[in-house]
């Protein structure tokens, strides 16, 4: 599953990710793309932690890529 949250702000990224995480099966990976460090730090990471997800973050020139999976 992939979520492109590029350009989104306020509560939209958090609500979109929350909805996707509810549907995610154990062991399934989700790729999340954002161009906003604040969204990453304030919305994405805390929601992944709260939902028991493991994750990695990489950054290219303009975007952050988060690859997360539900711990089994």
Protein backbone atom coordinates (compact mmCIF):
# COMPACT_ATOMS: atom_id res chain seq x y z
CA UNK A 1 0.00 0.00 0.00
CA UNK A 2 1.26 3.51 -0.73
CA UNK A 3 0.07 6.87 0.56
CA UNK A 4 1.22 10.06 -1.14
CA UNK A 5 0.67 12.83 1.40
CA UNK A 6 2.69 15.38 -0.56
CA UNK A 7 1.30 18.89 -0.23
CA UNK A 8 -1.26 17.96 2.42
CA UNK A 9 -1.41 19.77 5.74
CA UNK A 10 -3.41 20.13 8.94
CA UNK A 11 -5.27 16.99 9.93
CA UNK A 12 -5.57 15.48 6.45
CA UNK A 13 -2.31 13.44 6.53
CA UNK A 14 -3.07 12.09 10.00
CA UNK A 15 -6.65 11.10 9.14
CA UNK A 16 -5.60 9.54 5.83
CA UNK A 17 -2.85 7.51 7.51
CA UNK A 18 -5.13 6.48 10.39
CA UNK A 19 -7.71 5.16 7.94
CA UNK A 20 -5.06 3.21 6.01
CA UNK A 21 -3.55 1.71 9.17
CA UNK A 22 -6.95 0.37 10.26
CA UNK A 23 -7.03 -1.70 7.05
CA UNK A 24 -3.40 -2.88 7.17
CA UNK A 25 -2.88 -6.58 7.80
CA UNK A 26 -0.04 -7.74 10.09
CA UNK A 27 3.25 -8.03 8.20
CA UNK A 28 2.05 -5.80 5.35
CA UNK A 29 4.20 -2.80 4.47
CA UNK A 30 2.95 0.69 3.79
CA UNK A 31 4.94 3.37 1.95
CA UNK A 32 4.22 6.94 2.98
CA UNK A 33 5.52 9.94 1.04
CA UNK A 34 5.48 13.49 2.40
CA UNK A 35 7.29 16.70 1.59
CA UNK A 36 6.68 18.27 5.00
CA UNK A 37 9.01 17.57 7.93
CA UNK A 38 6.40 18.89 10.39
CA UNK A 39 3.78 16.43 9.12
CA UNK A 40 6.38 13.67 9.44
CA UNK A 41 7.35 14.54 13.00
CA UNK A 42 3.99 15.69 14.37
CA UNK A 43 1.55 13.36 12.61
CA UNK A 44 3.12 10.35 10.90
CA UNK A 45 5.73 9.13 13.39
CA UNK A 46 3.53 9.42 16.53
CA UNK A 47 0.69 7.60 14.78
CA UNK A 48 3.00 4.79 13.68
CA UNK A 49 4.42 4.45 17.21
CA UNK A 50 0.95 4.49 18.78
CA UNK A 51 -0.12 1.69 16.43
CA UNK A 52 2.91 -0.50 17.17
CA UNK A 53 4.50 -0.08 13.75
CA UNK A 54 8.17 -0.42 12.92
CA UNK A 55 9.43 2.03 10.32
CA UNK A 56 12.38 3.45 8.41
CA UNK A 57 12.70 6.94 6.98
CA UNK A 58 14.74 8.03 3.98
CA UNK A 59 14.96 11.45 2.40
CA UNK A 60 15.63 12.53 -1.16
CA UNK A 61 15.88 16.12 -2.35
CA UNK A 62 12.27 17.12 -1.71
CA UNK A 63 10.48 14.23 -0.02
CA UNK A 64 10.58 11.91 2.93
CA UNK A 65 9.78 8.23 2.36
CA UNK A 66 8.56 6.21 5.31
CA UNK A 67 8.30 2.44 4.97
CA UNK A 68 6.37 0.95 7.86
CA UNK A 69 5.00 -2.44 8.83
CA UNK A 70 2.88 -3.71 11.65
CA UNK A 71 4.90 -5.74 14.13
CA UNK A 72 3.72 -9.31 14.28
